[in-house]
Amino acid sequence: MTVDAWVALADPTRRVILARVAERPLSVGEVADHLPTMTRPNVSQHLRVLREAGLVAVESVGTKRIYSARPDALQDLRTELDGFWNQALANFSRRIDERKQNGDSDDRDDQGGG
């Protein structure tokens, strides 16, 4: 996943839009119908950012542009997030093992209570 994809997903509106088009392909108007406080041009801007980040694909059908989530990009995102999660769990496990080796039986020192 590119930095652009992470930046694109930093915006909560774009995450909502991505979730909508992940459910099923939608036109700009259909996406806008789910976001009544946004204009179609605003929705189009968000979809453009998602497309440029490689998270959605667009297909022209007649006069409409239909947007859909790119499963391969979502899998790349999942793989990166799994890597972060696995590293965090490994660090947590290592910290527990270190505490056991040092004979620490509780976490009062870490909480400033001791």
PDB file of N, CA and C in Angstrom:
ATOM      1  N   MET A   1       0.851  -1.177   0.000  1.00  0.00           N
ATOM      2  CA  MET A   1       0.000   0.000   0.000  1.00  0.00           C
ATOM      3  C   MET A   1       0.888   1.228   0.000  1.00  0.00           C
ATOM      4  N   THR A   2       0.541   2.163  -0.830  1.00  0.00           N
ATOM      5  CA  THR A   2       1.337   3.376  -0.940  1.00  0.00           C
ATOM      6  C   THR A   2       0.974   4.350   0.177  1.00  0.00           C
ATOM      7  N   VAL A   3       1.870   5.302   0.366  1.00  0.00           N
ATOM      8  CA  VAL A   3       1.592   6.359   1.339  1.00  0.00           C
ATOM      9  C   VAL A   3       0.311   7.074   0.953  1.00  0.00           C
ATOM     10  N   ASP A   4       0.102   7.267  -0.352  1.00  0.00           N
ATOM     11  CA  ASP A   4      -1.122   7.934  -0.805  1.00  0.00           C
ATOM     12  C   ASP A   4      -2.379   7.213  -0.319  1.00  0.00           C
ATOM     13  N   ALA A   5      -2.335   5.893  -0.294  1.00  0.00           N
ATOM     14  CA  ALA A   5      -3.498   5.134   0.170  1.00  0.00           C
ATOM     15  C   ALA A   5      -3.745   5.387   1.646  1.00  0.00           C
ATOM     16  N   TRP A   6      -2.671   5.415   2.434  1.00  0.00           N
ATOM     17  CA  TRP A   6      -2.843   5.693   3.868  1.00  0.00           C
ATOM     18  C   TRP A   6      -3.386   7.099   4.076  1.00  0.00           C
ATOM     19  N   VAL A   7      -2.872   8.062   3.315  1.00  0.00           N
ATOM     20  CA  VAL A   7      -3.356   9.441   3.417  1.00  0.00           C
ATOM     21  C   VAL A   7      -4.825   9.504   3.000  1.00  0.00           C
ATOM     22  N   ALA A   8      -5.170   8.809   1.927  1.00  0.00           N
ATOM     23  CA  ALA A   8      -6.561   8.797   1.461  1.00  0.00           C
ATOM     24  C   ALA A   8      -7.478   8.253   2.548  1.00  0.00           C
ATOM     25  N   LEU A   9      -7.040   7.223   3.251  1.00  0.00           N
ATOM     26  CA  LEU A   9      -7.881   6.599   4.273  1.00  0.00           C
ATOM     27  C   LEU A   9      -7.875   7.358   5.596  1.00  0.00           C
ATOM     28  N   ALA A  10      -7.024   8.369   5.709  1.00  0.00           N
ATOM     29  CA  ALA A  10      -7.007   9.167   6.937  1.00  0.00           C
ATOM     30  C   ALA A  10      -8.281   9.991   7.082  1.00  0.00           C
ATOM     31  N   ASP A  11      -8.948  10.242   5.983  1.00  0.00           N
ATOM     32  CA  ASP A  11     -10.175  11.043   5.997  1.00  0.00           C
ATOM     33  C   ASP A  11     -11.369  10.137   6.288  1.00  0.00           C
ATOM     34  N   PRO A  12     -12.130  10.418   7.338  1.00  0.00           N
ATOM     35  CA  PRO A  12     -13.267   9.551   7.690  1.00  0.00           C
ATOM     36  C   PRO A  12     -14.347   9.490   6.607  1.00  0.00           C
ATOM     37  N   THR A  13     -14.541  10.577   5.864  1.00  0.00           N
ATOM     38  CA  THR A  13     -15.535  10.554   4.787  1.00  0.00           C
ATOM     39  C   THR A  13     -15.116   9.565   3.711  1.00  0.00           C
ATOM     40  N   ARG A  14     -13.829   9.546   3.379  1.00  0.00           N
ATOM     41  CA  ARG A  14     -13.362   8.608   2.366  1.00  0.00           C
ATOM     42  C   ARG A  14     -13.475   7.169   2.845  1.00  0.00           C
ATOM     43  N   ARG A  15     -13.299   6.936   4.140  1.00  0.00           N
ATOM     44  CA  ARG A  15     -13.488   5.578   4.662  1.00  0.00           C
ATOM     45  C   ARG A  15     -14.945   5.151   4.523  1.00  0.00           C
ATOM     46  N   VAL A  16     -15.874   6.068   4.753  1.00  0.00           N
ATOM     47  CA  VAL A  16     -17.299   5.768   4.584  1.00  0.00           C
ATOM     48  C   VAL A  16     -17.587   5.467   3.113  1.00  0.00           C
ATOM     49  N   ILE A  17     -17.041   6.281   2.230  1.00  0.00           N
ATOM     50  CA  ILE A  17     -17.263   6.069   0.800  1.00  0.00           C
ATOM     51  C   ILE A  17     -16.679   4.734   0.363  1.00  0.00           C
ATOM     52  N   LEU A  18     -15.471   4.424   0.816  1.00  0.00           N
ATOM     53  CA  LEU A  18     -14.853   3.144   0.465  1.00  0.00           C
ATOM     54  C   LEU A  18     -15.701   1.981   0.971  1.00  0.00           C
ATOM     55  N   ALA A  19     -16.229   2.107   2.172  1.00  0.00           N
ATOM     56  CA  ALA A  19     -17.086   1.046   2.713  1.00  0.00           C
ATOM     57  C   ALA A  19     -18.328   0.859   1.840  1.00  0.00           C
ATOM     58  N   ARG A  20     -18.888   1.956   1.350  1.00  0.00           N
ATOM     59  CA  ARG A  20     -20.090   1.866   0.489  1.00  0.00           C
ATOM     60  C   ARG A  20     -19.777   1.148  -0.819  1.00  0.00           C
ATOM     61  N   VAL A  21     -18.688   1.546  -1.482  1.00  0.00           N
ATOM     62  CA  VAL A  21     -18.391   0.936  -2.773  1.00  0.00           C
ATOM     63  C   VAL A  21     -17.790  -0.467  -2.609  1.00  0.00           C
ATOM     64  N   ALA A  22     -17.380  -0.811  -1.394  1.00  0.00           N
ATOM     65  CA  ALA A  22     -16.936  -2.186  -1.136  1.00  0.00           C
ATOM     66  C   ALA A  22     -18.152  -3.117  -1.049  1.00  0.00           C
ATOM     67  N   GLU A  23     -19.289  -2.581  -0.620  1.00  0.00           N
ATOM     68  CA  GLU A  23     -20.518  -3.375  -0.555  1.00  0.00           C
ATOM     69  C   GLU A  23     -20.994  -3.746  -1.946  1.00  0.00           C
ATOM     70  N   ARG A  24     -20.972  -2.752  -2.846  1.00  0.00           N
ATOM     71  CA  ARG A  24     -21.362  -2.989  -4.238  1.00  0.00           C
ATOM     72  C   ARG A  24     -20.946  -1.772  -5.054  1.00  0.00           C
ATOM     73  N   PRO A  25     -20.707  -1.950  -6.351  1.00  0.00           N
ATOM     74  CA  PRO A  25     -20.357  -0.814  -7.207  1.00  0.00           C
ATOM     75  C   PRO A  25     -21.474   0.228  -7.215  1.00  0.00           C
ATOM     76  N   LEU A  26     -21.069   1.496  -7.164  1.00  0.00           N
ATOM     77  CA  LEU A  26     -22.033   2.598  -7.112  1.00  0.00           C
ATOM     78  C   LEU A  26     -21.589   3.744  -8.004  1.00  0.00           C
ATOM     79  N   SER A  27     -22.571   4.487  -8.486  1.00  0.00           N
ATOM     80  CA  SER A  27     -22.286   5.728  -9.213  1.00  0.00           C
ATOM     81  C   SER A  27     -22.044   6.838  -8.195  1.00  0.00           C
ATOM     82  N   VAL A  28     -21.545   7.964  -8.685  1.00  0.00           N
ATOM     83  CA  VAL A  28     -21.336   9.116  -7.803  1.00  0.00           C
ATOM     84  C   VAL A  28     -22.649   9.514  -7.140  1.00  0.00           C
ATOM     85  N   GLY A  29     -23.710   9.541  -7.915  1.00  0.00           N
ATOM     86  CA  GLY A  29     -25.017   9.918  -7.365  1.00  0.00           C
ATOM     87  C   GLY A  29     -25.482   8.973  -6.276  1.00  0.00           C
ATOM     88  N   GLU A  30     -25.257   7.682  -6.476  1.00  0.00           N
ATOM     89  CA  GLU A  30     -25.665   6.702  -5.459  1.00  0.00           C
ATOM     90  C   GLU A  30     -24.842   6.864  -4.186  1.00  0.00           C
ATOM     91  N   VAL A  31     -23.570   7.155  -4.347  1.00  0.00           N
ATOM     92  CA  VAL A  31     -22.738   7.407  -3.157  1.00  0.00           C
ATOM     93  C   VAL A  31     -23.237   8.658  -2.459  1.00  0.00           C
ATOM     94  N   ALA A  32     -23.511   9.700  -3.223  1.00  0.00           N
ATOM     95  CA  ALA A  32     -23.986  10.967  -2.652  1.00  0.00           C
ATOM     96  C   ALA A  32     -25.310  10.791  -1.923  1.00  0.00           C
ATOM     97  N   ASP A  33     -26.157   9.883  -2.406  1.00  0.00           N
ATOM     98  CA  ASP A  33     -27.432   9.625  -1.730  1.00  0.00           C
ATOM     99  C   ASP A  33     -27.222   9.127  -0.300  1.00  0.00           C
ATOM    100  N   HIS A  34     -26.099   8.450  -0.057  1.00  0.00           N
ATOM    101  CA  HIS A  34     -25.787   7.951   1.287  1.00  0.00           C
ATOM    102  C   HIS A  34     -25.132   9.024   2.156  1.00  0.00           C
ATOM    103  N   LEU A  35     -24.761  10.134   1.543  1.00  0.00           N
ATOM    104  CA  LEU A  35     -24.088  11.224   2.264  1.00  0.00           C
ATOM    105  C   LEU A  35     -24.845  12.525   1.996  1.00  0.00           C
ATOM    106  N   PRO A  36     -26.026  12.681   2.611  1.00  0.00           N
ATOM    107  CA  PRO A  36     -26.904  13.802   2.271  1.00  0.00           C
ATOM    108  C   PRO A  36     -26.318  15.183   2.549  1.00  0.00           C
ATOM    109  N   THR A  37     -25.293  15.287   3.371  1.00  0.00           N
ATOM    110  CA  THR A  37     -24.716  16.603   3.654  1.00  0.00           C
ATOM    111  C   THR A  37     -23.639  17.000   2.645  1.00  0.00           C
ATOM    112  N   MET A  38     -23.339  16.093   1.699  1.00  0.00           N
ATOM    113  CA  MET A  38     -22.291  16.378   0.718  1.00  0.00           C
ATOM    114  C   MET A  38     -22.880  16.563  -0.677  1.00  0.00           C
ATOM    115  N   THR A  39     -22.260  17.447  -1.431  1.00  0.00           N
ATOM    116  CA  THR A  39     -22.663  17.634  -2.820  1.00  0.00           C
ATOM    117  C   THR A  39     -22.002  16.559  -3.688  1.00  0.00           C
ATOM    118  N   ARG A  40     -22.567  16.349  -4.851  1.00  0.00           N
ATOM    119  CA  ARG A  40     -21.964  15.374  -5.778  1.00  0.00           C
ATOM    120  C   ARG A  40     -20.536  15.756  -6.166  1.00  0.00           C
ATOM    121  N   PRO A  41     -20.250  17.058  -6.403  1.00  0.00           N
ATOM    122  CA  PRO A  41     -18.858  17.408  -6.704  1.00  0.00           C
ATOM    123  C   PRO A  41     -17.897  17.047  -5.561  1.00  0.00           C
ATOM    124  N   ASN A  42     -18.348  17.217  -4.312  1.00  0.00           N
ATOM    125  CA  ASN A  42     -17.503  16.824  -3.174  1.00  0.00           C
ATOM    126  C   ASN A  42     -17.272  15.323  -3.154  1.00  0.00           C
ATOM    127  N   VAL A  43     -18.326  14.568  -3.402  1.00  0.00           N
ATOM    128  CA  VAL A  43     -18.205  13.111  -3.451  1.00  0.00           C
ATOM    129  C   VAL A  43     -17.251  12.710  -4.568  1.00  0.00           C
ATOM    130  N   SER A  44     -17.370  13.374  -5.715  1.00  0.00           N
ATOM    131  CA  SER A  44     -16.480  13.088  -6.844  1.00  0.00           C
ATOM    132  C   SER A  44     -15.022  13.342  -6.482  1.00  0.00           C
ATOM    133  N   GLN A  45     -14.769  14.408  -5.732  1.00  0.00           N
ATOM    134  CA  GLN A  45     -13.398  14.709  -5.306  1.00  0.00           C
ATOM    135  C   GLN A  45     -12.855  13.592  -4.415  1.00  0.00           C
ATOM    136  N   HIS A  46     -13.674  13.136  -3.479  1.00  0.00           N
ATOM    137  CA  HIS A  46     -13.234  12.053  -2.588  1.00  0.00           C
ATOM    138  C   HIS A  46     -12.985  10.767  -3.386  1.00  0.00           C
ATOM    139  N   LEU A  47     -13.871  10.473  -4.331  1.00  0.00           N
ATOM    140  CA  LEU A  47     -13.686   9.280  -5.154  1.00  0.00           C
ATOM    141  C   LEU A  47     -12.422   9.391  -6.016  1.00  0.00           C
ATOM    142  N   ARG A  48     -12.111  10.588  -6.474  1.00  0.00           N
ATOM    143  CA  ARG A  48     -10.893  10.793  -7.254  1.00  0.00           C
ATOM    144  C   ARG A  48      -9.661  10.484  -6.409  1.00  0.00           C
ATOM    145  N   VAL A  49      -9.653  10.948  -5.166  1.00  0.00           N
ATOM    146  CA  VAL A  49      -8.527  10.671  -4.272  1.00  0.00           C
ATOM    147  C   VAL A  49      -8.391   9.162  -4.040  1.00  0.00           C
ATOM    148  N   LEU A  50      -9.514   8.496  -3.804  1.00  0.00           N
ATOM    149  CA  LEU A  50      -9.485   7.042  -3.602  1.00  0.00           C
ATOM    150  C   LEU A  50      -9.002   6.314  -4.857  1.00  0.00           C
ATOM    151  N   ARG A  51      -9.423   6.794  -6.023  1.00  0.00           N
ATOM    152  CA  ARG A  51      -8.983   6.182  -7.280  1.00  0.00           C
ATOM    153  C   ARG A  51      -7.492   6.399  -7.488  1.00  0.00           C
ATOM    154  N   GLU A  52      -7.023   7.620  -7.269  1.00  0.00           N
ATOM    155  CA  GLU A  52      -5.599   7.918  -7.453  1.00  0.00           C
ATOM    156  C   GLU A  52      -4.732   7.141  -6.466  1.00  0.00           C
ATOM    157  N   ALA A  53      -5.287   6.819  -5.304  1.00  0.00           N
ATOM    158  CA  ALA A  53      -4.561   6.023  -4.313  1.00  0.00           C
ATOM    159  C   ALA A  53      -4.618   4.531  -4.634  1.00  0.00           C
ATOM    160  N   GLY A  54      -5.383   4.177  -5.654  1.00  0.00           N
ATOM    161  CA  GLY A  54      -5.468   2.783  -6.060  1.00  0.00           C
ATOM    162  C   GLY A  54      -6.453   1.952  -5.274  1.00  0.00           C
ATOM    163  N   LEU A  55      -7.312   2.594  -4.494  1.00  0.00           N
ATOM    164  CA  LEU A  55      -8.248   1.868  -3.636  1.00  0.00           C
ATOM    165  C   LEU A  55      -9.570   1.550  -4.325  1.00  0.00           C
ATOM    166  N   VAL A  56      -9.935   2.338  -5.332  1.00  0.00           N
ATOM    167  CA  VAL A  56     -11.166   2.066  -6.072  1.00  0.00           C
ATOM    168  C   VAL A  56     -10.863   2.081  -7.567  1.00  0.00           C
ATOM    169  N   ALA A  57     -11.689   1.380  -8.295  1.00  0.00           N
ATOM    170  CA  ALA A  57     -11.630   1.374  -9.754  1.00  0.00           C
ATOM    171  C   ALA A  57     -12.874   2.071 -10.271  1.00  0.00           C
ATOM    172  N   VAL A  58     -12.779   2.609 -11.465  1.00  0.00           N
ATOM    173  CA  VAL A  58     -13.930   3.286 -12.071  1.00  0.00           C
ATOM    174  C   VAL A  58     -14.157   2.701 -13.455  1.00  0.00           C
ATOM    175  N   GLU A  59     -15.436   2.557 -13.793  1.00  0.00           N
ATOM    176  CA  GLU A  59     -15.834   2.027 -15.097  1.00  0.00           C
ATOM    177  C   GLU A  59     -16.930   2.933 -15.646  1.00  0.00           C
ATOM    178  N   SER A  60     -16.799   3.303 -16.894  1.00  0.00           N
ATOM    179  CA  SER A  60     -17.837   4.105 -17.539  1.00  0.00           C
ATOM    180  C   SER A  60     -18.905   3.172 -18.090  1.00  0.00           C
ATOM    181  N   VAL A  61     -20.144   3.440 -17.679  1.00  0.00           N
ATOM    182  CA  VAL A  61     -21.288   2.678 -18.165  1.00  0.00           C
ATOM    183  C   VAL A  61     -22.300   3.710 -18.667  1.00  0.00           C
ATOM    184  N   GLY A  62     -22.358   3.854 -19.978  1.00  0.00           N
ATOM    185  CA  GLY A  62     -23.208   4.910 -20.546  1.00  0.00           C
ATOM    186  C   GLY A  62     -22.665   6.258 -20.122  1.00  0.00           C
ATOM    187  N   THR A  63     -23.517   7.057 -19.508  1.00  0.00           N
ATOM    188  CA  THR A  63     -23.085   8.380 -19.045  1.00  0.00           C
ATOM    189  C   THR A  63     -22.646   8.363 -17.590  1.00  0.00           C
ATOM    190  N   LYS A  64     -22.729   7.219 -16.943  1.00  0.00           N
ATOM    191  CA  LYS A  64     -22.361   7.117 -15.524  1.00  0.00           C
ATOM    192  C   LYS A  64     -20.963   6.556 -15.350  1.00  0.00           C
ATOM    193  N   ARG A  65     -20.355   6.957 -14.258  1.00  0.00           N
ATOM    194  CA  ARG A  65     -19.080   6.381 -13.844  1.00  0.00           C
ATOM    195  C   ARG A  65     -19.376   5.553 -12.597  1.00  0.00           C
ATOM    196  N   ILE A  66     -19.082   4.280 -12.683  1.00  0.00           N
ATOM    197  CA  ILE A  66     -19.378   3.351 -11.593  1.00  0.00           C
ATOM    198  C   ILE A  66     -18.083   3.037 -10.852  1.00  0.00           C
ATOM    199  N   TYR A  67     -18.120   3.224  -9.544  1.00  0.00           N
ATOM    200  CA  TYR A  67     -16.940   3.014  -8.698  1.00  0.00           C
ATOM    201  C   TYR A  67     -17.087   1.723  -7.904  1.00  0.00           C
ATOM    202  N   SER A  68     -15.996   1.001  -7.783  1.00  0.00           N
ATOM    203  CA  SER A  68     -15.982  -0.224  -6.987  1.00  0.00           C
ATOM    204  C   SER A  68     -14.644  -0.323  -6.258  1.00  0.00           C
ATOM    205  N   ALA A  69     -14.668  -1.000  -5.130  1.00  0.00           N
ATOM    206  CA  ALA A  69     -13.437  -1.201  -4.365  1.00  0.00           C
ATOM    207  C   ALA A  69     -12.549  -2.187  -5.109  1.00  0.00           C
ATOM    208  N   ARG A  70     -11.249  -2.004  -4.997  1.00  0.00           N
ATOM    209  CA  ARG A  70     -10.284  -2.918  -5.612  1.00  0.00           C
ATOM    210  C   ARG A  70      -9.876  -3.949  -4.566  1.00  0.00           C
ATOM    211  N   PRO A  71     -10.329  -5.192  -4.702  1.00  0.00           N
ATOM    212  CA  PRO A  71     -10.019  -6.222  -3.698  1.00  0.00           C
ATOM    213  C   PRO A  71      -8.522  -6.406  -3.455  1.00  0.00           C
ATOM    214  N   ASP A  72      -7.709  -6.286  -4.506  1.00  0.00           N
ATOM    215  CA  ASP A  72      -6.271  -6.457  -4.319  1.00  0.00           C
ATOM    216  C   ASP A  72      -5.694  -5.356  -3.433  1.00  0.00           C
ATOM    217  N   ALA A  73      -6.172  -4.132  -3.603  1.00  0.00           N
ATOM    218  CA  ALA A  73      -5.695  -3.029  -2.764  1.00  0.00           C
ATOM    219  C   ALA A  73      -6.155  -3.215  -1.324  1.00  0.00           C
ATOM    220  N   LEU A  74      -7.380  -3.693  -1.147  1.00  0.00           N
ATOM    221  CA  LEU A  74      -7.876  -3.934   0.203  1.00  0.00           C
ATOM    222  C   LEU A  74      -7.095  -5.065   0.868  1.00  0.00           C
ATOM    223  N   GLN A  75      -6.706  -6.079   0.085  1.00  0.00           N
ATOM    224  CA  GLN A  75      -5.896  -7.165   0.634  1.00  0.00           C
ATOM    225  C   GLN A  75      -4.518  -6.646   1.040  1.00  0.00           C
ATOM    226  N   ASP A  76      -3.948  -5.755   0.234  1.00  0.00           N
ATOM    227  CA  ASP A  76      -2.659  -5.150   0.598  1.00  0.00           C
ATOM    228  C   ASP A  76      -2.780  -4.395   1.917  1.00  0.00           C
ATOM    229  N   LEU A  77      -3.869  -3.662   2.075  1.00  0.00           N
ATOM    230  CA  LEU A  77      -4.110  -2.935   3.321  1.00  0.00           C
ATOM    231  C   LEU A  77      -4.213  -3.908   4.491  1.00  0.00           C
ATOM    232  N   ARG A  78      -4.973  -4.973   4.300  1.00  0.00           N
ATOM    233  CA  ARG A  78      -5.139  -5.979   5.339  1.00  0.00           C
ATOM    234  C   ARG A  78      -3.801  -6.598   5.734  1.00  0.00           C
ATOM    235  N   THR A  79      -2.973  -6.889   4.749  1.00  0.00           N
ATOM    236  CA  THR A  79      -1.660  -7.479   5.005  1.00  0.00           C
ATOM    237  C   THR A  79      -0.798  -6.533   5.840  1.00  0.00           C
ATOM    238  N   GLU A  80      -0.809  -5.244   5.483  1.00  0.00           N
ATOM    239  CA  GLU A  80      -0.023  -4.283   6.262  1.00  0.00           C
ATOM    240  C   GLU A  80      -0.549  -4.150   7.684  1.00  0.00           C
ATOM    241  N   LEU A  81      -1.864  -4.067   7.841  1.00  0.00           N
ATOM    242  CA  LEU A  81      -2.435  -3.950   9.186  1.00  0.00           C
ATOM    243  C   LEU A  81      -2.153  -5.203  10.018  1.00  0.00           C
ATOM    244  N   ASP A  82      -2.232  -6.376   9.389  1.00  0.00           N
ATOM    245  CA  ASP A  82      -1.904  -7.617  10.091  1.00  0.00           C
ATOM    246  C   ASP A  82      -0.452  -7.592  10.567  1.00  0.00           C
ATOM    247  N   GLY A  83       0.427  -7.030   9.737  1.00  0.00           N
ATOM    248  CA  GLY A  83       1.831  -6.917  10.128  1.00  0.00           C
ATOM    249  C   GLY A  83       2.001  -6.040  11.355  1.00  0.00           C
ATOM    250  N   PHE A  84       1.305  -4.907  11.386  1.00  0.00           N
ATOM    251  CA  PHE A  84       1.363  -4.035  12.571  1.00  0.00           C
ATOM    252  C   PHE A  84       0.841  -4.768  13.800  1.00  0.00           C
ATOM    253  N   TRP A  85      -0.283  -5.442  13.637  1.00  0.00           N
ATOM    254  CA  TRP A  85      -0.919  -6.158  14.740  1.00  0.00           C
ATOM    255  C   TRP A  85      -0.001  -7.262  15.263  1.00  0.00           C
ATOM    256  N   ASN A  86       0.561  -8.044  14.349  1.00  0.00           N
ATOM    257  CA  ASN A  86       1.451  -9.138  14.755  1.00  0.00           C
ATOM    258  C   ASN A  86       2.683  -8.611  15.479  1.00  0.00           C
ATOM    259  N   GLN A  87       3.231  -7.488  15.011  1.00  0.00           N
ATOM    260  CA  GLN A  87       4.390  -6.893  15.680  1.00  0.00           C
ATOM    261  C   GLN A  87       4.014  -6.407  17.078  1.00  0.00           C
ATOM    262  N   ALA A  88       2.856  -5.792  17.212  1.00  0.00           N
ATOM    263  CA  ALA A  88       2.411  -5.321  18.526  1.00  0.00           C
ATOM    264  C   ALA A  88       2.230  -6.490  19.497  1.00  0.00           C
ATOM    265  N   LEU A  89       1.639  -7.579  19.013  1.00  0.00           N
ATOM    266  CA  LEU A  89       1.465  -8.755  19.872  1.00  0.00           C
ATOM    267  C   LEU A  89       2.805  -9.368  20.257  1.00  0.00           C
ATOM    268  N   ALA A  90       3.734  -9.415  19.314  1.00  0.00           N
ATOM    269  CA  ALA A  90       5.067  -9.959  19.608  1.00  0.00           C
ATOM    270  C   ALA A  90       5.775  -9.093  20.646  1.00  0.00           C
ATOM    271  N   ASN A  91       5.672  -7.782  20.524  1.00  0.00           N
ATOM    272  CA  ASN A  91       6.282  -6.880  21.513  1.00  0.00           C
ATOM    273  C   ASN A  91       5.650  -7.057  22.882  1.00  0.00           C
ATOM    274  N   PHE A  92       4.339  -7.202  22.916  1.00  0.00           N
ATOM    275  CA  PHE A  92       3.636  -7.411  24.181  1.00  0.00           C
ATOM    276  C   PHE A  92       4.073  -8.722  24.827  1.00  0.00           C
ATOM    277  N   SER A  93       4.157  -9.763  24.029  1.00  0.00           N
ATOM    278  CA  SER A  93       4.587 -11.067  24.536  1.00  0.00           C
ATOM    279  C   SER A  93       6.026 -11.002  25.061  1.00  0.00           C
ATOM    280  N   ARG A  94       6.885 -10.328  24.315  1.00  0.00           N
ATOM    281  CA  ARG A  94       8.281 -10.190  24.755  1.00  0.00           C
ATOM    282  C   ARG A  94       8.359  -9.432  26.083  1.00  0.00           C
ATOM    283  N   ARG A  95       7.561  -8.403  26.231  1.00  0.00           N
ATOM    284  CA  ARG A  95       7.550  -7.612  27.479  1.00  0.00           C
ATOM    285  C   ARG A  95       7.092  -8.473  28.659  1.00  0.00           C
ATOM    286  N   ILE A  96       6.086  -9.298  28.439  1.00  0.00           N
ATOM    287  CA  ILE A  96       5.614 -10.205  29.499  1.00  0.00           C
ATOM    288  C   ILE A  96       6.715 -11.178  29.880  1.00  0.00           C
ATOM    289  N   ASP A  97       7.382 -11.757  28.891  1.00  0.00           N
ATOM    290  CA  ASP A  97       8.473 -12.695  29.159  1.00  0.00           C
ATOM    291  C   ASP A  97       9.602 -12.021  29.929  1.00  0.00           C
ATOM    292  N   GLU A  98       9.933 -10.781  29.569  1.00  0.00           N
ATOM    293  CA  GLU A  98      10.981 -10.040  30.280  1.00  0.00           C
ATOM    294  C   GLU A  98      10.590  -9.819  31.735  1.00  0.00           C
ATOM    295  N   ARG A  99       9.335  -9.473  31.967  1.00  0.00           N
ATOM    296  CA  ARG A  99       8.863  -9.246  33.345  1.00  0.00           C
ATOM    297  C   ARG A  99       8.935 -10.525  34.155  1.00  0.00           C
ATOM    298  N   LYS A 100       8.561 -11.648  33.543  1.00  0.00           N
ATOM    299  CA  LYS A 100       8.625 -12.930  34.240  1.00  0.00           C
ATOM    300  C   LYS A 100      10.063 -13.268  34.598  1.00  0.00           C
ATOM    301  N   GLN A 101      10.989 -13.030  33.668  1.00  0.00           N
ATOM    302  CA  GLN A 101      12.404 -13.315  33.915  1.00  0.00           C
ATOM    303  C   GLN A 101      12.975 -12.432  35.015  1.00  0.00           C
ATOM    304  N   ASN A 102      12.471 -11.219  35.136  1.00  0.00           N
ATOM    305  CA  ASN A 102      12.943 -10.287  36.161  1.00  0.00           C
ATOM    306  C   ASN A 102      12.223 -10.483  37.489  1.00  0.00           C
ATOM    307  N   GLY A 103      11.277 -11.405  37.521  1.00  0.00           N
ATOM    308  CA  GLY A 103      10.555 -11.684  38.758  1.00  0.00           C
ATOM    309  C   GLY A 103       9.465 -10.690  39.080  1.00  0.00           C
ATOM    310  N   ASP A 104       9.081  -9.871  38.133  1.00  0.00           N
ATOM    311  CA  ASP A 104       7.989  -8.925  38.362  1.00  0.00           C
ATOM    312  C   ASP A 104       6.681  -9.699  38.392  1.00  0.00           C
ATOM    313  N   SER A 105       5.906  -9.498  39.450  1.00  0.00           N
ATOM    314  CA  SER A 105       4.652 -10.239  39.554  1.00  0.00           C
ATOM    315  C   SER A 105       3.430  -9.387  39.286  1.00  0.00           C
ATOM    316  N   ASP A 106       3.574  -8.059  39.301  1.00  0.00           N
ATOM    317  CA  ASP A 106       2.433  -7.203  38.977  1.00  0.00           C
ATOM    318  C   ASP A 106       2.926  -5.956  38.270  1.00  0.00           C
ATOM    319  N   ASP A 107       2.024  -5.065  37.948  1.00  0.00           N
ATOM    320  CA  ASP A 107       2.405  -3.899  37.156  1.00  0.00           C
ATOM    321  C   ASP A 107       2.344  -2.602  37.942  1.00  0.00           C
ATOM    322  N   ARG A 108       2.505  -2.656  39.261  1.00  0.00           N
ATOM    323  CA  ARG A 108       2.430  -1.435  40.044  1.00  0.00           C
ATOM    324  C   ARG A 108       3.501  -0.437  39.655  1.00  0.00           C
ATOM    325  N   ASP A 109       4.710  -0.901  39.328  1.00  0.00           N
ATOM    326  CA  ASP A 109       5.778   0.020  38.958  1.00  0.00           C
ATOM    327  C   ASP A 109       5.443   0.773  37.671  1.00  0.00           C
ATOM    328  N   ASP A 110       4.802   0.099  36.725  1.00  0.00           N
ATOM    329  CA  ASP A 110       4.453   0.726  35.464  1.00  0.00           C
ATOM    330  C   ASP A 110       3.363   1.772  35.651  1.00  0.00           C
ATOM    331  N   GLN A 111       2.550   1.634  36.673  1.00  0.00           N
ATOM    332  CA  GLN A 111       1.435   2.551  36.878  1.00  0.00           C
ATOM    333  C   GLN A 111       1.772   3.662  37.862  1.00  0.00           C
ATOM    334  N   GLY A 112       2.979   3.668  38.338  1.00  0.00           N
ATOM    335  CA  GLY A 112       3.389   4.720  39.257  1.00  0.00           C
ATOM    336  C   GLY A 112       2.899   4.465  40.682  1.00  0.00           C
ATOM    337  N   GLY A 113       2.394   3.288  40.972  1.00  0.00           N
ATOM    338  CA  GLY A 113       1.857   2.944  42.299  1.00  0.00           C
ATOM    339  C   GLY A 113       2.818   2.304  43.235  1.00  0.00           C
ATOM    340  N   GLY A 114       3.667   1.793  43.336  1.00  0.00           N
ATOM    341  CA  GLY A 114       4.677   1.036  44.013  1.00  0.00           C
ATOM    342  C   GLY A 114       4.969   1.317  45.347  1.00  0.00           C
TER     343      GLY A 114
END
